[in-house]
Amino acid sequence: MKTAVFDIELRSVTNLEIAGVSRYARDPSTEVLCVGYCINNGKPKIWKPGDPLPSDLFAADEFVAHNFPFERAIWTHVLTSRHD
């Protein structure tokens, strides 16, 4: 089983504390700076927009993140819609 531990770094003109996760994730100004991840406690890797998509990350069987609901919202509304 492959486990991916990941963290998404972002920037936006929208204030997360005021807007909330859903509005922040859907805001057009919210952009991903990078995704840091590792597979099965392996070597840390960084993906940045414009890089080839990380096939090892997509091949993971389970995903772990410190604040998973937030990371999932960003994955769904920013990464998937803008970066496939």
C-alpha atoms as a PDB file:
ATOM      1  CA  MET A   1       0.000   0.000   0.000  1.00  0.00           C
ATOM      2  CA  LYS A   2       1.322   3.435  -0.931  1.00  0.00           C
ATOM      3  CA  THR A   3       0.605   6.296   1.464  1.00  0.00           C
ATOM      4  CA  ALA A   4       1.126   9.898   0.387  1.00  0.00           C
ATOM      5  CA  VAL A   5       1.628  12.593   3.004  1.00  0.00           C
ATOM      6  CA  PHE A   6       1.140  16.011   1.429  1.00  0.00           C
ATOM      7  CA  ASP A   7       0.805  19.730   2.067  1.00  0.00           C
ATOM      8  CA  ILE A   8      -0.349  22.409  -0.371  1.00  0.00           C
ATOM      9  CA  GLU A   9       1.083  25.924  -0.193  1.00  0.00           C
ATOM     10  CA  LEU A  10      -1.119  28.724  -1.524  1.00  0.00           C
ATOM     11  CA  ARG A  11      -1.675  32.404  -1.893  1.00  0.00           C
ATOM     12  CA  SER A  12      -4.835  34.413  -2.439  1.00  0.00           C
ATOM     13  CA  VAL A  13      -6.245  37.899  -2.035  1.00  0.00           C
ATOM     14  CA  THR A  14      -9.109  36.264  -0.142  1.00  0.00           C
ATOM     15  CA  ASN A  15      -8.796  36.091   3.630  1.00  0.00           C
ATOM     16  CA  LEU A  16      -9.276  32.451   4.620  1.00  0.00           C
ATOM     17  CA  GLU A  17     -10.410  33.287   8.161  1.00  0.00           C
ATOM     18  CA  ILE A  18     -13.155  35.594   6.889  1.00  0.00           C
ATOM     19  CA  ALA A  19     -14.210  33.697   3.747  1.00  0.00           C
ATOM     20  CA  GLY A  20     -14.061  30.141   5.061  1.00  0.00           C
ATOM     21  CA  VAL A  21     -12.629  27.113   3.301  1.00  0.00           C
ATOM     22  CA  SER A  22     -15.237  26.687   0.563  1.00  0.00           C
ATOM     23  CA  ARG A  23     -15.213  30.308  -0.618  1.00  0.00           C
ATOM     24  CA  TYR A  24     -11.415  30.493  -0.335  1.00  0.00           C
ATOM     25  CA  ALA A  25     -10.959  27.330  -2.422  1.00  0.00           C
ATOM     26  CA  ARG A  26     -13.361  28.579  -5.102  1.00  0.00           C
ATOM     27  CA  ASP A  27     -11.938  32.110  -5.305  1.00  0.00           C
ATOM     28  CA  PRO A  28     -10.235  32.769  -8.675  1.00  0.00           C
ATOM     29  CA  SER A  29      -7.342  34.530  -6.924  1.00  0.00           C
ATOM     30  CA  THR A  30      -6.437  31.432  -4.884  1.00  0.00           C
ATOM     31  CA  GLU A  31      -3.447  29.772  -6.489  1.00  0.00           C
ATOM     32  CA  VAL A  32      -1.222  26.851  -5.650  1.00  0.00           C
ATOM     33  CA  LEU A  33       2.442  27.718  -5.183  1.00  0.00           C
ATOM     34  CA  CYS A  34       3.566  24.113  -4.660  1.00  0.00           C
ATOM     35  CA  VAL A  35       2.611  20.730  -3.288  1.00  0.00           C
ATOM     36  CA  GLY A  36       5.088  19.090  -0.944  1.00  0.00           C
ATOM     37  CA  TYR A  37       4.708  15.345  -0.542  1.00  0.00           C
ATOM     38  CA  CYS A  38       6.384  12.052   0.184  1.00  0.00           C
ATOM     39  CA  ILE A  39       5.378   8.471  -0.480  1.00  0.00           C
ATOM     40  CA  ASN A  40       5.744   5.886   2.317  1.00  0.00           C
ATOM     41  CA  ASN A  41       8.078   8.144   4.335  1.00  0.00           C
ATOM     42  CA  GLY A  42      10.416   8.379   1.352  1.00  0.00           C
ATOM     43  CA  LYS A  43      12.359  11.367   0.091  1.00  0.00           C
ATOM     44  CA  PRO A  44      10.308  14.602   0.198  1.00  0.00           C
ATOM     45  CA  LYS A  45       9.350  15.953  -3.216  1.00  0.00           C
ATOM     46  CA  ILE A  46       7.873  19.208  -4.471  1.00  0.00           C
ATOM     47  CA  TRP A  47       5.518  19.713  -7.390  1.00  0.00           C
ATOM     48  CA  LYS A  48       4.979  23.230  -8.779  1.00  0.00           C
ATOM     49  CA  PRO A  49       2.443  24.389 -11.372  1.00  0.00           C
ATOM     50  CA  GLY A  50       4.000  23.939 -14.792  1.00  0.00           C
ATOM     51  CA  ASP A  51       5.906  20.798 -13.763  1.00  0.00           C
ATOM     52  CA  PRO A  52       4.806  17.418 -15.139  1.00  0.00           C
ATOM     53  CA  LEU A  53       2.085  15.881 -12.997  1.00  0.00           C
ATOM     54  CA  PRO A  54       3.552  13.630 -10.267  1.00  0.00           C
ATOM     55  CA  SER A  55       2.484  10.113 -11.243  1.00  0.00           C
ATOM     56  CA  ASP A  56       3.805   8.683  -7.957  1.00  0.00           C
ATOM     57  CA  LEU A  57       1.472  10.968  -6.012  1.00  0.00           C
ATOM     58  CA  PHE A  58      -1.545   9.933  -8.091  1.00  0.00           C
ATOM     59  CA  ALA A  59      -0.639   6.259  -7.663  1.00  0.00           C
ATOM     60  CA  ALA A  60      -0.997   6.460  -3.871  1.00  0.00           C
ATOM     61  CA  ASP A  61      -3.650   4.308  -2.218  1.00  0.00           C
ATOM     62  CA  GLU A  62      -4.252   6.648   0.713  1.00  0.00           C
ATOM     63  CA  PHE A  63      -3.582  10.294   1.467  1.00  0.00           C
ATOM     64  CA  VAL A  64      -2.649  11.996   4.718  1.00  0.00           C
ATOM     65  CA  ALA A  65      -2.609  15.743   5.391  1.00  0.00           C
ATOM     66  CA  HIS A  66      -2.554  17.815   8.569  1.00  0.00           C
ATOM     67  CA  ASN A  67      -5.830  19.550   7.701  1.00  0.00           C
ATOM     68  CA  PHE A  68      -7.311  17.099   5.218  1.00  0.00           C
ATOM     69  CA  PRO A  69     -10.686  18.839   4.628  1.00  0.00           C
ATOM     70  CA  PHE A  70      -8.868  22.046   3.630  1.00  0.00           C
ATOM     71  CA  GLU A  71      -6.330  20.231   1.431  1.00  0.00           C
ATOM     72  CA  ARG A  72      -9.126  18.266  -0.249  1.00  0.00           C
ATOM     73  CA  ALA A  73     -11.070  21.454  -1.016  1.00  0.00           C
ATOM     74  CA  ILE A  74      -7.977  22.965  -2.632  1.00  0.00           C
ATOM     75  CA  TRP A  75      -7.254  19.715  -4.503  1.00  0.00           C
ATOM     76  CA  THR A  76     -10.832  19.654  -5.814  1.00  0.00           C
ATOM     77  CA  HIS A  77     -11.394  23.322  -6.650  1.00  0.00           C
ATOM     78  CA  VAL A  78      -7.922  24.536  -7.597  1.00  0.00           C
ATOM     79  CA  LEU A  79      -5.630  21.652  -8.540  1.00  0.00           C
ATOM     80  CA  THR A  80      -8.164  19.538 -10.412  1.00  0.00           C
ATOM     81  CA  SER A  81      -9.891  22.380 -12.221  1.00  0.00           C
ATOM     82  CA  ARG A  82      -6.725  24.293 -13.191  1.00  0.00           C
ATOM     83  CA  HIS A  83      -4.017  21.637 -13.404  1.00  0.00           C
ATOM     84  CA  ASP A  84      -5.885  18.439 -14.292  1.00  0.00           C
END
